[in-house]
Amino acid sequence: MAEELELIVVVAHLEVGDAEDALRSLAARLLEEGAVTVDFPEALRERERQYPTGLPTPIPTAIPHADPALVRRPGLALATLARPVDFGEMGGEGTVGVRVVAMPLLTDAASHLRALQRLMGVLRSEDAVGRLLEAEDEDELRRCAGELLEGETA
């Protein structure tokens, strides 16, 4: 389906020291998958410095992204963090102790509008994000995220 976002990279319990480390780790995995260009990692970090993406949702999340021209394969990178990591708060001055990083990889946001709306619905739900955090490994996290993004809650 055109509006679905493929889960390209999924990482459970990612061990990182700070937000930049989280971005670097996910961007490196996306590069390995051929989903982004070589310029993506630095562009991602620079955009996050200028426009922070931490959200004070019930379980804090971040939605970092970069210029669509640097995306080769639309989809989503998703990571649960082993412990909270401070990201700058979107539209604010402070920081948010993020537990989940959801990185949309879009070449055309309009064609993925419904998928993005579902993603935001999942991230706003304490129960849904709690399920993601409980995933023991990447396979379980991928399955759980797929169910949630498709609107299945069973």
Protein backbone atom coordinates (compact mmCIF):
# COMPACT_ATOMS: atom_id res chain seq x y z
CA MET A 1 0.00 0.00 0.00
CA ALA A 2 1.23 3.48 -0.81
CA GLU A 3 0.44 4.85 2.63
CA GLU A 4 2.18 2.12 4.63
CA LEU A 5 5.60 2.75 6.14
CA GLU A 6 7.91 -0.26 5.92
CA LEU A 7 9.82 -0.96 9.13
CA ILE A 8 13.34 -0.79 7.71
CA VAL A 9 15.40 -0.73 10.91
CA VAL A 10 14.10 -1.91 14.28
CA VAL A 11 16.27 -1.92 17.41
CA ALA A 12 15.12 -3.07 20.85
CA HIS A 13 16.81 -1.72 23.98
CA LEU A 14 19.39 0.38 22.12
CA GLU A 15 22.31 1.29 24.40
CA VAL A 16 23.31 4.91 23.76
CA GLY A 17 24.88 7.69 25.81
CA ASP A 18 22.98 10.65 24.38
CA ALA A 19 20.63 11.81 21.62
CA GLU A 20 23.43 12.28 19.10
CA ASP A 21 24.63 8.74 19.76
CA ALA A 22 21.08 7.45 19.15
CA LEU A 23 20.85 9.35 15.86
CA ARG A 24 24.31 8.19 14.75
CA SER A 25 23.48 4.55 15.53
CA LEU A 26 20.15 4.53 13.67
CA ALA A 27 21.56 6.47 10.71
CA ALA A 28 24.45 4.00 10.39
CA ARG A 29 22.02 1.07 10.29
CA LEU A 30 19.92 2.87 7.67
CA LEU A 31 23.05 3.44 5.57
CA GLU A 32 23.86 -0.29 5.81
CA GLU A 33 20.34 -1.06 4.54
CA GLY A 34 20.76 1.33 1.60
CA ALA A 35 17.71 3.31 2.76
CA VAL A 36 19.49 6.68 2.92
CA THR A 37 22.34 8.52 1.22
CA VAL A 38 25.78 9.00 2.72
CA ASP A 39 24.84 12.63 3.55
CA PHE A 40 21.84 11.57 5.66
CA PRO A 41 23.58 11.00 9.05
CA GLU A 42 25.09 14.49 9.29
CA ALA A 43 21.95 16.15 7.91
CA LEU A 44 19.89 14.28 10.50
CA ARG A 45 22.08 15.43 13.41
CA GLU A 46 22.18 19.02 12.11
CA ARG A 47 18.41 19.17 11.70
CA GLU A 48 17.92 17.80 15.24
CA ARG A 49 20.24 20.53 16.60
CA GLN A 50 18.21 23.23 14.85
CA TYR A 51 14.73 21.74 15.24
CA PRO A 52 14.52 19.38 18.23
CA THR A 53 12.00 16.54 17.98
CA GLY A 54 11.51 15.33 21.57
CA LEU A 55 7.83 15.03 22.45
CA PRO A 56 6.52 15.03 26.04
CA THR A 57 4.00 12.28 25.22
CA PRO A 58 2.88 9.96 28.08
CA ILE A 59 6.05 7.96 27.41
CA PRO A 60 8.41 10.52 25.85
CA THR A 61 9.39 9.92 22.22
CA ALA A 62 11.42 11.62 19.52
CA ILE A 63 10.63 11.77 15.81
CA PRO A 64 13.88 12.89 14.13
CA HIS A 65 13.99 13.18 10.36
CA ALA A 66 16.00 14.77 7.55
CA ASP A 67 15.56 16.14 4.06
CA PRO A 68 13.48 13.76 1.90
CA ALA A 69 16.06 14.15 -0.90
CA LEU A 70 18.45 12.09 1.26
CA VAL A 71 16.01 9.16 1.57
CA ARG A 72 16.34 6.34 -0.95
CA ARG A 73 13.70 4.00 0.50
CA PRO A 74 10.63 5.34 2.32
CA GLY A 75 9.86 3.69 5.62
CA LEU A 76 10.45 3.91 9.34
CA ALA A 77 13.33 3.30 11.72
CA LEU A 78 12.20 2.48 15.25
CA ALA A 79 14.25 2.05 18.41
CA THR A 80 13.40 1.56 22.04
CA LEU A 81 16.16 2.88 24.29
CA ALA A 82 17.69 0.89 27.14
CA ARG A 83 17.36 4.00 29.32
CA PRO A 84 15.95 7.48 28.77
CA VAL A 85 18.07 9.87 26.70
CA ASP A 86 17.56 13.64 26.67
CA PHE A 87 16.39 15.11 23.36
CA GLY A 88 15.57 18.77 22.92
CA GLU A 89 11.84 19.38 23.26
CA MET A 90 10.01 20.13 20.01
CA GLY A 91 8.95 23.78 20.05
CA GLY A 92 10.35 24.26 23.55
CA GLU A 93 13.48 25.24 25.39
CA GLY A 94 13.94 22.22 27.64
CA THR A 95 14.71 18.55 27.13
CA VAL A 96 12.64 15.39 27.22
CA GLY A 97 13.88 12.03 28.55
CA VAL A 98 13.04 9.97 25.46
CA ARG A 99 12.39 6.21 25.60
CA VAL A 100 11.40 5.60 21.94
CA VAL A 101 12.84 7.02 18.72
CA ALA A 102 10.62 6.79 15.63
CA MET A 103 12.38 8.08 12.52
CA PRO A 104 10.11 8.52 9.49
CA LEU A 105 11.97 8.21 6.20
CA LEU A 106 9.83 10.03 3.69
CA THR A 107 10.32 10.98 0.10
CA ASP A 108 6.83 12.49 -0.06
CA ALA A 109 4.96 13.14 3.20
CA ALA A 110 1.61 13.61 1.44
CA SER A 111 1.64 10.05 0.10
CA HIS A 112 2.21 8.71 3.63
CA LEU A 113 -0.18 10.98 5.51
CA ARG A 114 -2.39 8.19 6.90
CA ALA A 115 0.63 6.17 8.01
CA LEU A 116 2.08 9.23 9.75
CA GLN A 117 -1.24 9.88 11.47
CA ARG A 118 -1.28 6.26 12.71
CA LEU A 119 2.32 6.61 13.89
CA MET A 120 1.45 9.73 15.89
CA GLY A 121 -1.59 7.95 17.34
CA VAL A 122 0.64 5.08 18.49
CA LEU A 123 3.20 7.46 20.00
CA ARG A 124 0.49 9.33 21.95
CA SER A 125 -0.82 6.10 23.49
CA GLU A 126 0.84 5.12 26.75
CA ASP A 127 -0.42 1.53 26.34
CA ALA A 128 0.90 1.23 22.77
CA VAL A 129 4.32 2.68 23.58
CA GLY A 130 4.44 0.51 26.70
CA ARG A 131 3.97 -2.56 24.48
CA LEU A 132 6.89 -1.43 22.30
CA LEU A 133 9.11 -0.96 25.34
CA GLU A 134 8.23 -4.44 26.63
CA ALA A 135 9.43 -6.14 23.41
CA GLU A 136 12.30 -8.44 24.33
CA ASP A 137 14.09 -8.36 20.97
CA GLU A 138 13.97 -6.95 17.44
CA ASP A 139 11.63 -9.64 16.11
CA GLU A 140 9.08 -9.00 18.83
CA LEU A 141 9.45 -5.22 18.46
CA ARG A 142 8.98 -5.45 14.66
CA ARG A 143 5.85 -7.62 15.09
CA CYS A 144 4.36 -5.40 17.78
CA ALA A 145 5.09 -2.17 15.87
CA GLY A 146 3.62 -3.66 12.70
CA GLU A 147 0.41 -4.57 14.51
CA LEU A 148 0.12 -1.14 16.11
CA LEU A 149 0.82 0.75 12.90
CA GLU A 150 -1.75 -1.34 11.03
CA GLY A 151 -4.29 -0.48 13.72
CA GLU A 152 -4.43 -3.95 15.22
CA THR A 153 -4.35 -3.92 19.00
CA ALA A 154 -4.99 -7.61 19.71
